[in-house]
Amino acid sequence: MPGHSSEVAAAWAHDSLPQAVKILIAGGFGSGKTTLVGAISEILPFHTEENLTLSGVGVDDTAGVEQKSTTTVAMDFGKLTLNDRLAVFLFGTPGQDRFWFMWDELAAGALCAVVLADTRRLAACFPSVDYFEQRGIPFLVAVNCFEGSRRYPTETVRTALALDERIPVVLCDVRQPDSVKYVLTTAVEHVLAVASA
């Protein structure tokens, strides 16, 4: 983990690389997207959180996240500056099926994506994985290690999601800025590896 940020920032400081990049944060309902953006953003994050209402009963699957009281209805937005020439803009996607019509707009111009997975509800991240695979957008899977949830080796998660061995799978705690930095740095390194292959 140490050194990753400086290596990527140094590589991106090259004149031919962009000065600002966009990374999508995707995953199922309640996987921690809003928390991830809030943990790392150097600006006050923009959230479109709304309270869950009775109209969502039977529509939104809250199994495993019964304590959740709000949901993202458009996007989350945050910013992280890696050095004086490179800024990363984070766009968190809404997790419920009924808001997926916005994904194409959010994905436009994205360098890569992070798919957050919750092992208590692993199937909830399949649509995100499918979306990025179908569009050829490089991505990694970050397993959000919720308190009290069973921990699985990354290879077990990879097998369960039927991921290609080249797609990184990492463990993280989206509440911890250092953990989020590691996820984002790994995502960028994955893009660089794909580009140079």
N, C-alpha and C. Protein backbone atom coordinates (compact mmCIF):
# COMPACT_ATOMS: atom_id res chain seq x y z
N MET A 1 0.81 -1.21 0.00
CA MET A 1 0.00 0.00 0.00
C MET A 1 0.85 1.27 0.00
N PRO A 2 1.87 1.39 0.87
CA PRO A 2 2.69 2.58 0.85
C PRO A 2 3.40 2.72 -0.50
N GLY A 3 3.50 3.97 -0.97
CA GLY A 3 4.20 4.22 -2.21
C GLY A 3 3.34 4.19 -3.45
N HIS A 4 2.20 3.53 -3.38
CA HIS A 4 1.34 3.42 -4.56
C HIS A 4 0.92 4.79 -5.06
N SER A 5 0.43 5.64 -4.18
CA SER A 5 -0.07 6.95 -4.59
C SER A 5 1.02 7.77 -5.28
N SER A 6 2.23 7.76 -4.72
CA SER A 6 3.29 8.57 -5.30
C SER A 6 3.72 8.01 -6.66
N GLU A 7 3.72 6.68 -6.81
CA GLU A 7 4.09 6.07 -8.09
C GLU A 7 3.09 6.43 -9.17
N VAL A 8 1.81 6.33 -8.83
CA VAL A 8 0.77 6.65 -9.82
C VAL A 8 0.79 8.14 -10.13
N ALA A 9 0.91 8.97 -9.11
CA ALA A 9 0.94 10.40 -9.33
C ALA A 9 2.13 10.78 -10.21
N ALA A 10 3.28 10.13 -9.99
CA ALA A 10 4.46 10.42 -10.81
C ALA A 10 4.22 10.02 -12.26
N ALA A 11 3.59 8.86 -12.45
CA ALA A 11 3.29 8.41 -13.82
C ALA A 11 2.32 9.35 -14.50
N TRP A 12 1.36 9.85 -13.74
CA TRP A 12 0.34 10.72 -14.33
C TRP A 12 0.83 12.15 -14.52
N ALA A 13 1.94 12.49 -13.92
CA ALA A 13 2.46 13.84 -14.08
C ALA A 13 3.06 14.06 -15.47
N HIS A 14 3.22 12.99 -16.22
CA HIS A 14 3.75 13.08 -17.59
C HIS A 14 2.83 13.97 -18.42
N ASP A 15 3.41 14.78 -19.30
CA ASP A 15 2.64 15.76 -20.06
C ASP A 15 1.53 15.17 -20.91
N SER A 16 1.68 13.91 -21.34
CA SER A 16 0.69 13.34 -22.25
C SER A 16 -0.54 12.81 -21.52
N LEU A 17 -0.52 12.82 -20.21
CA LEU A 17 -1.64 12.27 -19.45
C LEU A 17 -2.57 13.39 -18.99
N PRO A 18 -3.84 13.06 -18.75
CA PRO A 18 -4.82 14.10 -18.39
C PRO A 18 -4.53 14.72 -17.03
N GLN A 19 -5.04 15.94 -16.84
CA GLN A 19 -4.86 16.63 -15.57
C GLN A 19 -6.02 16.37 -14.62
N ALA A 20 -7.11 15.86 -15.12
CA ALA A 20 -8.25 15.51 -14.30
C ALA A 20 -8.87 14.23 -14.84
N VAL A 21 -9.22 13.34 -13.95
CA VAL A 21 -9.83 12.08 -14.37
C VAL A 21 -11.09 11.82 -13.55
N LYS A 22 -11.92 11.00 -14.13
CA LYS A 22 -13.20 10.67 -13.52
C LYS A 22 -13.23 9.18 -13.20
N ILE A 23 -13.56 8.85 -11.96
CA ILE A 23 -13.69 7.46 -11.54
C ILE A 23 -15.10 7.26 -11.00
N LEU A 24 -15.76 6.23 -11.50
CA LEU A 24 -17.10 5.89 -11.01
C LEU A 24 -17.00 4.98 -9.81
N ILE A 25 -17.90 5.18 -8.86
CA ILE A 25 -18.02 4.30 -7.70
C ILE A 25 -19.40 3.66 -7.80
N ALA A 26 -19.43 2.36 -8.05
CA ALA A 26 -20.69 1.67 -8.28
C ALA A 26 -20.85 0.51 -7.29
N GLY A 27 -21.98 -0.14 -7.38
CA GLY A 27 -22.25 -1.28 -6.50
C GLY A 27 -23.71 -1.30 -6.11
N GLY A 28 -24.07 -2.32 -5.40
CA GLY A 28 -25.46 -2.50 -5.01
C GLY A 28 -25.92 -1.50 -3.95
N PHE A 29 -27.20 -1.49 -3.74
CA PHE A 29 -27.84 -0.66 -2.72
C PHE A 29 -27.22 -0.97 -1.35
N GLY A 30 -26.74 0.07 -0.67
CA GLY A 30 -26.20 -0.11 0.68
C GLY A 30 -24.80 -0.66 0.74
N SER A 31 -24.05 -0.63 -0.37
CA SER A 31 -22.70 -1.21 -0.37
C SER A 31 -21.63 -0.27 0.18
N GLY A 32 -21.95 1.02 0.34
CA GLY A 32 -20.99 1.96 0.92
C GLY A 32 -20.46 3.02 -0.02
N LYS A 33 -21.13 3.23 -1.13
CA LYS A 33 -20.65 4.19 -2.14
C LYS A 33 -20.59 5.62 -1.57
N THR A 34 -21.64 6.05 -0.94
CA THR A 34 -21.70 7.39 -0.38
C THR A 34 -20.64 7.57 0.70
N THR A 35 -20.46 6.56 1.54
CA THR A 35 -19.45 6.61 2.60
C THR A 35 -18.06 6.71 2.01
N LEU A 36 -17.78 5.95 0.94
CA LEU A 36 -16.46 5.99 0.30
C LEU A 36 -16.15 7.39 -0.20
N VAL A 37 -17.08 7.99 -0.93
CA VAL A 37 -16.85 9.33 -1.47
C VAL A 37 -16.63 10.33 -0.33
N GLY A 38 -17.43 10.23 0.71
CA GLY A 38 -17.30 11.14 1.85
C GLY A 38 -16.01 10.98 2.62
N ALA A 39 -15.48 9.76 2.66
CA ALA A 39 -14.26 9.49 3.43
C ALA A 39 -13.02 10.09 2.79
N ILE A 40 -13.01 10.25 1.49
CA ILE A 40 -11.79 10.64 0.79
C ILE A 40 -11.85 12.04 0.18
N SER A 41 -13.04 12.57 -0.03
CA SER A 41 -13.16 13.85 -0.73
C SER A 41 -12.55 14.99 0.07
N GLU A 42 -11.76 15.81 -0.62
CA GLU A 42 -11.16 16.97 0.03
C GLU A 42 -12.09 18.18 0.02
N ILE A 43 -13.16 18.09 -0.72
CA ILE A 43 -14.20 19.11 -0.71
C ILE A 43 -15.42 18.53 0.00
N LEU A 44 -16.32 19.37 0.39
CA LEU A 44 -17.56 18.88 0.97
C LEU A 44 -18.28 18.08 -0.11
N PRO A 45 -18.46 16.76 0.09
CA PRO A 45 -19.07 15.96 -0.97
C PRO A 45 -20.49 16.40 -1.28
N PHE A 46 -20.84 16.26 -2.53
CA PHE A 46 -22.22 16.52 -2.96
C PHE A 46 -22.94 15.19 -2.94
N HIS A 47 -24.04 15.12 -2.20
CA HIS A 47 -24.83 13.90 -2.11
C HIS A 47 -26.27 14.19 -2.53
N THR A 48 -26.90 13.23 -3.13
CA THR A 48 -28.34 13.34 -3.43
C THR A 48 -29.06 12.27 -2.63
N GLU A 49 -28.88 12.32 -1.33
CA GLU A 49 -29.49 11.35 -0.43
C GLU A 49 -30.92 11.77 -0.10
N GLU A 50 -31.80 10.81 -0.15
CA GLU A 50 -33.19 11.03 0.25
C GLU A 50 -33.59 9.93 1.21
N ASN A 51 -34.56 10.23 2.06
CA ASN A 51 -35.06 9.22 2.98
C ASN A 51 -35.80 8.12 2.23
N LEU A 52 -35.61 6.90 2.70
CA LEU A 52 -36.40 5.80 2.15
C LEU A 52 -37.86 6.02 2.55
N THR A 53 -38.77 5.73 1.64
CA THR A 53 -40.18 5.95 1.91
C THR A 53 -40.97 4.67 1.74
N LEU A 54 -42.22 4.72 2.12
CA LEU A 54 -43.08 3.54 1.97
C LEU A 54 -43.25 3.14 0.52
N SER A 55 -43.11 4.09 -0.42
CA SER A 55 -43.26 3.75 -1.83
C SER A 55 -42.14 2.83 -2.32
N GLY A 56 -41.04 2.77 -1.58
CA GLY A 56 -39.94 1.88 -1.96
C GLY A 56 -40.09 0.47 -1.42
N VAL A 57 -41.04 0.27 -0.52
CA VAL A 57 -41.26 -1.07 0.03
C VAL A 57 -41.69 -2.01 -1.08
N GLY A 58 -40.99 -3.13 -1.18
CA GLY A 58 -41.29 -4.08 -2.23
C GLY A 58 -40.58 -3.78 -3.54
N VAL A 59 -39.99 -2.58 -3.64
CA VAL A 59 -39.24 -2.19 -4.84
C VAL A 59 -37.75 -2.27 -4.55
N ASP A 60 -37.31 -1.66 -3.45
CA ASP A 60 -35.91 -1.67 -3.06
C ASP A 60 -35.65 -2.85 -2.13
N ASP A 61 -34.63 -3.63 -2.45
CA ASP A 61 -34.27 -4.79 -1.64
C ASP A 61 -33.39 -4.34 -0.47
N THR A 62 -33.97 -4.31 0.73
CA THR A 62 -33.22 -3.87 1.90
C THR A 62 -32.74 -5.04 2.75
N ALA A 63 -32.84 -6.26 2.24
CA ALA A 63 -32.38 -7.43 2.99
C ALA A 63 -30.89 -7.28 3.27
N GLY A 64 -30.54 -7.41 4.54
CA GLY A 64 -29.14 -7.27 4.94
C GLY A 64 -28.73 -5.86 5.28
N VAL A 65 -29.55 -4.88 4.91
CA VAL A 65 -29.26 -3.47 5.24
C VAL A 65 -30.53 -2.82 5.80
N GLU A 66 -31.21 -3.55 6.65
CA GLU A 66 -32.49 -3.07 7.18
C GLU A 66 -32.37 -1.76 7.93
N GLN A 67 -31.18 -1.46 8.49
CA GLN A 67 -30.99 -0.22 9.25
C GLN A 67 -30.81 1.00 8.36
N LYS A 68 -30.65 0.79 7.05
CA LYS A 68 -30.42 1.91 6.13
C LYS A 68 -31.69 2.75 6.03
N SER A 69 -31.54 4.08 6.17
CA SER A 69 -32.71 4.95 6.16
C SER A 69 -32.73 5.93 4.99
N THR A 70 -31.58 6.04 4.26
CA THR A 70 -31.51 6.96 3.12
C THR A 70 -30.96 6.21 1.91
N THR A 71 -31.12 6.84 0.75
CA THR A 71 -30.59 6.25 -0.47
C THR A 71 -30.18 7.36 -1.44
N THR A 72 -29.19 7.05 -2.29
CA THR A 72 -28.76 8.00 -3.31
C THR A 72 -29.71 7.92 -4.49
N VAL A 73 -30.25 9.06 -4.91
CA VAL A 73 -31.23 9.05 -5.99
C VAL A 73 -30.67 9.61 -7.30
N ALA A 74 -29.48 10.16 -7.29
CA ALA A 74 -28.87 10.64 -8.53
C ALA A 74 -27.39 10.28 -8.55
N MET A 75 -26.62 10.90 -7.65
CA MET A 75 -25.19 10.59 -7.60
C MET A 75 -24.58 11.18 -6.34
N ASP A 76 -23.35 10.73 -6.07
CA ASP A 76 -22.48 11.36 -5.08
C ASP A 76 -21.32 11.95 -5.88
N PHE A 77 -20.75 13.03 -5.37
CA PHE A 77 -19.63 13.65 -6.07
C PHE A 77 -18.59 14.11 -5.07
N GLY A 78 -17.32 13.78 -5.35
CA GLY A 78 -16.23 14.24 -4.51
C GLY A 78 -14.99 14.45 -5.35
N LYS A 79 -13.96 15.05 -4.73
CA LYS A 79 -12.73 15.37 -5.44
C LYS A 79 -11.53 15.03 -4.56
N LEU A 80 -10.48 14.50 -5.20
CA LEU A 80 -9.23 14.20 -4.52
C LEU A 80 -8.09 14.68 -5.41
N THR A 81 -7.18 15.50 -4.87
CA THR A 81 -6.02 15.97 -5.62
C THR A 81 -4.84 15.08 -5.27
N LEU A 82 -4.26 14.42 -6.30
CA LEU A 82 -3.10 13.56 -6.07
C LEU A 82 -1.80 14.35 -6.06
N ASN A 83 -1.73 15.36 -6.91
CA ASN A 83 -0.58 16.28 -6.90
C ASN A 83 -1.04 17.59 -7.53
N ASP A 84 -0.13 18.52 -7.75
CA ASP A 84 -0.56 19.83 -8.24
C ASP A 84 -1.01 19.81 -9.70
N ARG A 85 -0.89 18.66 -10.36
CA ARG A 85 -1.30 18.57 -11.75
C ARG A 85 -2.37 17.53 -12.01
N LEU A 86 -2.79 16.81 -11.00
CA LEU A 86 -3.74 15.73 -11.22
C LEU A 86 -4.83 15.70 -10.16
N ALA A 87 -6.07 15.82 -10.61
CA ALA A 87 -7.22 15.74 -9.72
C ALA A 87 -8.09 14.55 -10.14
N VAL A 88 -8.64 13.86 -9.16
CA VAL A 88 -9.55 12.74 -9.41
C VAL A 88 -10.94 13.17 -8.96
N PHE A 89 -11.90 13.05 -9.87
CA PHE A 89 -13.29 13.35 -9.55
C PHE A 89 -14.04 12.03 -9.39
N LEU A 90 -14.70 11.89 -8.27
CA LEU A 90 -15.41 10.65 -7.95
C LEU A 90 -16.90 10.85 -8.14
N PHE A 91 -17.51 9.94 -8.88
CA PHE A 91 -18.94 9.96 -9.11
C PHE A 91 -19.54 8.66 -8.60
N GLY A 92 -20.31 8.74 -7.54
CA GLY A 92 -20.99 7.56 -7.00
C GLY A 92 -22.33 7.38 -7.68
N THR A 93 -22.57 6.18 -8.18
CA THR A 93 -23.82 5.90 -8.89
C THR A 93 -24.92 5.48 -7.91
N PRO A 94 -26.18 5.66 -8.27
CA PRO A 94 -27.26 5.13 -7.44
C PRO A 94 -27.27 3.60 -7.54
N GLY A 95 -27.67 2.95 -6.46
CA GLY A 95 -27.60 1.49 -6.42
C GLY A 95 -28.85 0.75 -6.85
N GLN A 96 -30.01 1.39 -6.81
CA GLN A 96 -31.24 0.66 -7.13
C GLN A 96 -31.50 0.61 -8.63
N ASP A 97 -32.13 -0.48 -9.03
CA ASP A 97 -32.45 -0.70 -10.45
C ASP A 97 -33.19 0.49 -11.07
N ARG A 98 -34.09 1.09 -10.33
CA ARG A 98 -34.95 2.13 -10.91
C ARG A 98 -34.20 3.41 -11.25
N PHE A 99 -32.94 3.54 -10.80
CA PHE A 99 -32.14 4.73 -11.12
C PHE A 99 -31.02 4.44 -12.12
N TRP A 100 -30.99 3.24 -12.67
CA TRP A 100 -29.90 2.88 -13.58
C TRP A 100 -29.93 3.64 -14.90
N PHE A 101 -31.04 4.27 -15.23
CA PHE A 101 -31.10 5.03 -16.48
C PHE A 101 -30.08 6.17 -16.49
N MET A 102 -29.58 6.56 -15.32
CA MET A 102 -28.61 7.65 -15.23
C MET A 102 -27.18 7.19 -15.44
N TRP A 103 -26.95 5.88 -15.44
CA TRP A 103 -25.58 5.38 -15.47
C TRP A 103 -24.82 5.78 -16.73
N ASP A 104 -25.46 5.76 -17.88
CA ASP A 104 -24.76 6.11 -19.12
C ASP A 104 -24.22 7.54 -19.07
N GLU A 105 -25.00 8.45 -18.53
CA GLU A 105 -24.54 9.84 -18.39
C GLU A 105 -23.38 9.93 -17.41
N LEU A 106 -23.49 9.24 -16.28
CA LEU A 106 -22.44 9.28 -15.28
C LEU A 106 -21.16 8.63 -15.79
N ALA A 107 -21.29 7.59 -16.62
CA ALA A 107 -20.13 6.84 -17.11
C ALA A 107 -19.38 7.55 -18.24
N ALA A 108 -20.02 8.52 -18.88
CA ALA A 108 -19.38 9.21 -20.01
C ALA A 108 -18.07 9.83 -19.57
N GLY A 109 -16.98 9.46 -20.24
CA GLY A 109 -15.67 10.03 -19.96
C GLY A 109 -14.95 9.45 -18.76
N ALA A 110 -15.48 8.39 -18.16
CA ALA A 110 -14.84 7.81 -16.99
C ALA A 110 -13.57 7.05 -17.37
N LEU A 111 -12.53 7.23 -16.59
CA LEU A 111 -11.28 6.50 -16.79
C LEU A 111 -11.46 5.04 -16.38
N CYS A 112 -12.14 4.82 -15.26
CA CYS A 112 -12.34 3.48 -14.74
C CYS A 112 -13.43 3.51 -13.68
N ALA A 113 -13.68 2.35 -13.07
CA ALA A 113 -14.72 2.26 -12.05
C ALA A 113 -14.27 1.37 -10.91
N VAL A 114 -14.85 1.61 -9.77
CA VAL A 114 -14.70 0.75 -8.60
C VAL A 114 -16.08 0.17 -8.32
N VAL A 115 -16.18 -1.16 -8.28
CA VAL A 115 -17.43 -1.82 -7.93
C VAL A 115 -17.32 -2.26 -6.48
N LEU A 116 -18.14 -1.67 -5.62
CA LEU A 116 -18.15 -2.06 -4.21
C LEU A 116 -19.00 -3.30 -4.03
N ALA A 117 -18.46 -4.26 -3.30
CA ALA A 117 -19.18 -5.51 -3.04
C ALA A 117 -19.36 -5.68 -1.54
N ASP A 118 -20.51 -6.17 -1.17
CA ASP A 118 -20.85 -6.51 0.21
C ASP A 118 -21.08 -8.02 0.21
N THR A 119 -20.25 -8.77 0.91
CA THR A 119 -20.36 -10.23 0.85
C THR A 119 -21.67 -10.75 1.45
N ARG A 120 -22.37 -9.92 2.21
CA ARG A 120 -23.68 -10.33 2.74
C ARG A 120 -24.74 -10.30 1.65
N ARG A 121 -24.47 -9.53 0.57
CA ARG A 121 -25.41 -9.36 -0.53
C ARG A 121 -24.62 -9.31 -1.84
N LEU A 122 -23.80 -10.31 -2.08
CA LEU A 122 -22.86 -10.28 -3.19
C LEU A 122 -23.55 -10.15 -4.54
N ALA A 123 -24.70 -10.76 -4.70
CA ALA A 123 -25.42 -10.71 -5.98
C ALA A 123 -25.78 -9.27 -6.37
N ALA A 124 -25.85 -8.37 -5.40
CA ALA A 124 -26.23 -6.98 -5.70
C ALA A 124 -25.20 -6.25 -6.56
N CYS A 125 -23.96 -6.77 -6.64
CA CYS A 125 -22.97 -6.06 -7.46
C CYS A 125 -22.86 -6.66 -8.86
N PHE A 126 -23.57 -7.75 -9.17
CA PHE A 126 -23.53 -8.32 -10.51
C PHE A 126 -23.92 -7.32 -11.60
N PRO A 127 -24.99 -6.53 -11.43
CA PRO A 127 -25.33 -5.57 -12.49
C PRO A 127 -24.21 -4.57 -12.79
N SER A 128 -23.49 -4.14 -11.76
CA SER A 128 -22.38 -3.20 -11.97
C SER A 128 -21.26 -3.87 -12.75
N VAL A 129 -20.92 -5.08 -12.35
CA VAL A 129 -19.87 -5.83 -13.06
C VAL A 129 -20.26 -6.01 -14.53
N ASP A 130 -21.50 -6.43 -14.77
CA ASP A 130 -21.98 -6.62 -16.14
C ASP A 130 -21.91 -5.33 -16.94
N TYR A 131 -22.32 -4.22 -16.33
CA TYR A 131 -22.34 -2.93 -17.01
C TYR A 131 -20.95 -2.56 -17.52
N PHE A 132 -19.94 -2.64 -16.65
CA PHE A 132 -18.60 -2.23 -17.04
C PHE A 132 -17.94 -3.23 -18.00
N GLU A 133 -18.23 -4.50 -17.82
CA GLU A 133 -17.71 -5.50 -18.76
C GLU A 133 -18.26 -5.26 -20.16
N GLN A 134 -19.57 -5.02 -20.27
CA GLN A 134 -20.20 -4.82 -21.57
C GLN A 134 -19.71 -3.57 -22.28
N ARG A 135 -19.33 -2.56 -21.52
CA ARG A 135 -18.90 -1.29 -22.12
C ARG A 135 -17.38 -1.16 -22.23
N GLY A 136 -16.66 -2.16 -21.76
CA GLY A 136 -15.21 -2.13 -21.85
C GLY A 136 -14.56 -1.09 -20.97
N ILE A 137 -15.21 -0.72 -19.87
CA ILE A 137 -14.64 0.24 -18.93
C ILE A 137 -13.84 -0.53 -17.89
N PRO A 138 -12.54 -0.25 -17.76
CA PRO A 138 -11.74 -0.98 -16.76
C PRO A 138 -12.32 -0.77 -15.36
N PHE A 139 -12.31 -1.83 -14.55
CA PHE A 139 -12.84 -1.72 -13.19
C PHE A 139 -12.14 -2.71 -12.27
N LEU A 140 -12.29 -2.46 -11.00
CA LEU A 140 -11.88 -3.45 -10.00
C LEU A 140 -13.05 -3.65 -9.05
N VAL A 141 -12.98 -4.72 -8.28
CA VAL A 141 -13.98 -4.99 -7.26
C VAL A 141 -13.33 -4.76 -5.90
N ALA A 142 -13.95 -3.91 -5.10
CA ALA A 142 -13.48 -3.64 -3.74
C ALA A 142 -14.51 -4.20 -2.77
N VAL A 143 -14.09 -5.18 -1.98
CA VAL A 143 -14.99 -5.80 -1.01
C VAL A 143 -14.99 -4.95 0.25
N ASN A 144 -16.13 -4.34 0.54
CA ASN A 144 -16.27 -3.50 1.72
C ASN A 144 -16.46 -4.41 2.93
N CYS A 145 -15.50 -4.39 3.83
CA CYS A 145 -15.52 -5.30 4.99
C CYS A 145 -16.35 -4.71 6.12
N PHE A 146 -17.65 -4.96 6.06
CA PHE A 146 -18.56 -4.45 7.08
C PHE A 146 -18.31 -5.16 8.40
N GLU A 147 -18.48 -4.44 9.51
CA GLU A 147 -18.35 -5.05 10.83
C GLU A 147 -19.38 -6.16 10.98
N GLY A 148 -18.93 -7.29 11.49
CA GLY A 148 -19.84 -8.41 11.73
C GLY A 148 -20.08 -9.28 10.52
N SER A 149 -19.59 -8.88 9.35
CA SER A 149 -19.79 -9.71 8.16
C SER A 149 -18.65 -10.71 8.04
N ARG A 150 -18.94 -11.84 7.45
CA ARG A 150 -17.93 -12.87 7.27
C ARG A 150 -16.91 -12.41 6.24
N ARG A 151 -15.63 -12.64 6.51
CA ARG A 151 -14.56 -12.27 5.60
C ARG A 151 -14.21 -13.45 4.70
N TYR A 152 -14.05 -13.18 3.44
CA TYR A 152 -13.68 -14.21 2.47
C TYR A 152 -12.39 -13.79 1.77
N PRO A 153 -11.56 -14.76 1.38
CA PRO A 153 -10.38 -14.41 0.58
C PRO A 153 -10.80 -13.79 -0.74
N THR A 154 -9.97 -12.91 -1.28
CA THR A 154 -10.32 -12.23 -2.53
C THR A 154 -10.55 -13.23 -3.66
N GLU A 155 -9.82 -14.32 -3.67
CA GLU A 155 -10.00 -15.31 -4.75
C GLU A 155 -11.36 -15.99 -4.66
N THR A 156 -11.89 -16.13 -3.45
CA THR A 156 -13.23 -16.70 -3.29
C THR A 156 -14.27 -15.75 -3.87
N VAL A 157 -14.09 -14.45 -3.63
CA VAL A 157 -14.99 -13.44 -4.19
C VAL A 157 -14.88 -13.43 -5.71
N ARG A 158 -13.65 -13.50 -6.22
CA ARG A 158 -13.44 -13.52 -7.67
C ARG A 158 -14.20 -14.69 -8.31
N THR A 159 -14.09 -15.87 -7.70
CA THR A 159 -14.77 -17.05 -8.23
C THR A 159 -16.28 -16.89 -8.17
N ALA A 160 -16.78 -16.35 -7.06
CA ALA A 160 -18.23 -16.18 -6.90
C ALA A 160 -18.79 -15.20 -7.93
N LEU A 161 -17.99 -14.21 -8.33
CA LEU A 161 -18.44 -13.22 -9.31
C LEU A 161 -18.04 -13.58 -10.74
N ALA A 162 -17.35 -14.72 -10.90
CA ALA A 162 -16.90 -15.19 -12.22
C ALA A 162 -16.07 -14.11 -12.92
N LEU A 163 -15.14 -13.49 -12.19
CA LEU A 163 -14.31 -12.42 -12.73
C LEU A 163 -13.08 -12.98 -13.42
N ASP A 164 -12.68 -12.32 -14.49
CA ASP A 164 -11.43 -12.62 -15.16
C ASP A 164 -10.30 -12.41 -14.16
N GLU A 165 -9.26 -13.23 -14.24
CA GLU A 165 -8.15 -13.14 -13.29
C GLU A 165 -7.40 -11.82 -13.38
N ARG A 166 -7.55 -11.08 -14.47
CA ARG A 166 -6.85 -9.80 -14.61
C ARG A 166 -7.55 -8.65 -13.88
N ILE A 167 -8.80 -8.87 -13.46
CA ILE A 167 -9.53 -7.81 -12.76
C ILE A 167 -9.16 -7.85 -11.28
N PRO A 168 -8.62 -6.76 -10.75
CA PRO A 168 -8.23 -6.76 -9.33
C PRO A 168 -9.43 -6.89 -8.40
N VAL A 169 -9.23 -7.63 -7.32
CA VAL A 169 -10.20 -7.72 -6.23
C VAL A 169 -9.43 -7.38 -4.96
N VAL A 170 -9.90 -6.37 -4.24
CA VAL A 170 -9.21 -5.92 -3.02
C VAL A 170 -10.20 -5.82 -1.87
N LEU A 171 -9.68 -5.90 -0.66
CA LEU A 171 -10.49 -5.71 0.54
C LEU A 171 -10.32 -4.26 0.99
N CYS A 172 -11.39 -3.69 1.56
CA CYS A 172 -11.28 -2.30 2.01
C CYS A 172 -12.28 -2.01 3.12
N ASP A 173 -12.07 -0.89 3.76
CA ASP A 173 -13.00 -0.31 4.72
C ASP A 173 -13.27 1.10 4.22
N VAL A 174 -14.44 1.33 3.64
CA VAL A 174 -14.70 2.61 2.98
C VAL A 174 -14.80 3.78 3.95
N ARG A 175 -14.76 3.51 5.25
CA ARG A 175 -14.77 4.59 6.24
C ARG A 175 -13.38 5.17 6.45
N GLN A 176 -12.36 4.43 6.01
CA GLN A 176 -10.97 4.81 6.27
C GLN A 176 -10.32 5.43 5.03
N PRO A 177 -9.90 6.70 5.10
CA PRO A 177 -9.31 7.35 3.93
C PRO A 177 -8.13 6.59 3.33
N ASP A 178 -7.25 6.02 4.15
CA ASP A 178 -6.10 5.30 3.61
C ASP A 178 -6.54 4.07 2.82
N SER A 179 -7.57 3.41 3.30
CA SER A 179 -8.10 2.24 2.60
C SER A 179 -8.71 2.65 1.26
N VAL A 180 -9.42 3.77 1.25
CA VAL A 180 -10.03 4.27 0.01
C VAL A 180 -8.94 4.70 -0.97
N LYS A 181 -7.88 5.37 -0.48
CA LYS A 181 -6.77 5.74 -1.36
C LYS A 181 -6.16 4.52 -2.01
N TYR A 182 -6.00 3.46 -1.25
CA TYR A 182 -5.44 2.23 -1.78
C TYR A 182 -6.33 1.68 -2.91
N VAL A 183 -7.64 1.69 -2.70
CA VAL A 183 -8.57 1.21 -3.72
C VAL A 183 -8.45 2.04 -4.99
N LEU A 184 -8.46 3.37 -4.86
CA LEU A 184 -8.40 4.25 -6.03
C LEU A 184 -7.06 4.12 -6.75
N THR A 185 -5.99 4.02 -6.00
CA THR A 185 -4.67 3.86 -6.60
C THR A 185 -4.58 2.55 -7.36
N THR A 186 -5.11 1.49 -6.77
CA THR A 186 -5.11 0.18 -7.44
C THR A 186 -5.93 0.23 -8.72
N ALA A 187 -7.04 0.96 -8.70
CA ALA A 187 -7.87 1.10 -9.90
C ALA A 187 -7.10 1.80 -11.01
N VAL A 188 -6.39 2.87 -10.66
CA VAL A 188 -5.62 3.61 -11.66
C VAL A 188 -4.47 2.76 -12.19
N GLU A 189 -3.80 2.04 -11.31
CA GLU A 189 -2.72 1.16 -11.75
C GLU A 189 -3.25 0.08 -12.69
N HIS A 190 -4.45 -0.39 -12.43
CA HIS A 190 -5.07 -1.38 -13.31
C HIS A 190 -5.29 -0.79 -14.70
N VAL A 191 -5.76 0.46 -14.76
CA VAL A 191 -5.95 1.13 -16.06
C VAL A 191 -4.63 1.23 -16.80
N LEU A 192 -3.58 1.65 -16.09
CA LEU A 192 -2.27 1.79 -16.72
C LEU A 192 -1.76 0.45 -17.24
N ALA A 193 -2.02 -0.62 -16.47
CA ALA A 193 -1.59 -1.96 -16.88
C ALA A 193 -2.35 -2.41 -18.12
N VAL A 194 -3.65 -2.13 -18.15
CA VAL A 194 -4.48 -2.50 -19.32
C VAL A 194 -4.01 -1.73 -20.54
N ALA A 195 -3.71 -0.44 -20.36
CA ALA A 195 -3.29 0.41 -21.48
C ALA A 195 -1.95 -0.01 -22.05
N SER A 196 -1.08 -0.54 -21.20
CA SER A 196 0.25 -0.91 -21.67
C SER A 196 0.34 -2.37 -22.14
N ALA A 197 -0.74 -3.12 -21.97
CA ALA A 197 -0.72 -4.55 -22.36
C ALA A 197 -0.76 -4.71 -23.86
